[in-house]
Amino acid sequence: MTGYLMLANGALFKGEMFGYIEDPKVAEVVFNTGMVGYQEVMTDPSYYGQIVVMTYPLIGNYGAQVEDNEAQFSYIKGLVVKEACSHHFTGESTSNRKTLEEYMHDMKVMGIKGIDTRYLTRMLREKGTMKGILIPNKENLEKEDLLEKYQELLNNTELPQDAVEQVTTKQKYVLLGKGKKVVVLDLGVKKSILTRLQSLGLEVVVVPSYTKADDILALNPAGLFLSNGPGDPKDVEGTITTVKQLLRKLPIFGICLGHQILALALGGDTYKLKFGHRGVNHPVKDLFQNKVYITSQNHSYAVRQDSLPQEVKITHVNLNDDTIEGLAHEELPVMSVQYHPEAAPGPEESAYLFQRFLEML
């Protein structure tokens, strides 16, 4: 079936629909530069409500399997690719592995292929991320009729402001461990992060994003972990207040959205990037160790450097654009990084940060 991706600036891209084909979807259109990781992208809650463009031209060549999901559901509104591989090739057992299209159908993800993703990505880099609408042309409308029918829907649809509320757990759950207890404030946490914390021997208690400070302290944890998640950090005012109240009571480690929320709780400010950081090859320098790490990233917002109080030190910077990638407090056992050190997908060289958190406890 023929389909279209129409952007808010009027650009129209024609392709072929695949996966789970349903009604037109309006969402923010973003791009990811990873050569691998399409399955993690589709099931990462941080991508809630977005249409994701994969810049690597061939997607689906190693298939997908449920065991590698980062969440039970897919949270993206659509997937845009140049070419979707119809078969999968992998040295692993293929009994549970499905083709990309089979997997997308199971996860109810609508896709469009045959798009010039290089041109589309360059447009998003130059103009910035913007709203778009993914349109299956079920009625075989002419291009002009299509534009006329869906332009108003695109213009009038508001992007979600309650992204964290949509992806957080609805009730507390526990992952057993023999070590110290850590509370994870679930802002859209990935399975791989929880697995990494468990691998340290920790008892992991996952609670909803709206959990109050007193309720967290009542669990008697040794520390608090602020997870990744979607959307504008300023939208979750209650969570920022909770973190403020816990700053001097618990060691805290935040990643991605958790990093931004920690910065706001410490008195800093955040802003939206022109097109964000999404991929598995972003160079980040650890200023304290004087080392450069290749990192996995997925975020639209960053911490404003001139907003941080004097006692908060910048520990990591992005070597592509000098944005802040890590923070630490001079006196309090508090730290954060903007990227994803659990490496799903991506390189594993930043796993030392989890060990550092363990030592903080």
Foldseek 3Di string as FASTA:
>chain_A
DKKWKAFLVGDIWIFAKFAQDDAKAKAWEAEFAAPDQPQQQQQQLQQARYEYEYLNAEPFQAADFPVLHQHPAGRYAAYEHAYADPDYDDPDDCPRGDTPRVVSNVRVHMYTYNTNSVVVNVCCVVQFIGMMMIHDPPVPDDPVVVCVVCSVVNVPDDHDLCSQVVQWDPAKDKDDFPDFEEEEACSRATPLVVVLLVVVRYIYIYGYNLDALVVVVVVVGQAYEYHAHYDDLVSCVNSLVRCLVCQAPHQYEYEASGQQSNQVSQFWDKDFDRRFHAYAAWWKAQPVVRDIDGFGADYGMATDPVGGDPQKDQGMATPVPRTGAKIDGNPTNYMYGNTDCSCSPYDNPSSVVSVVSVVSD
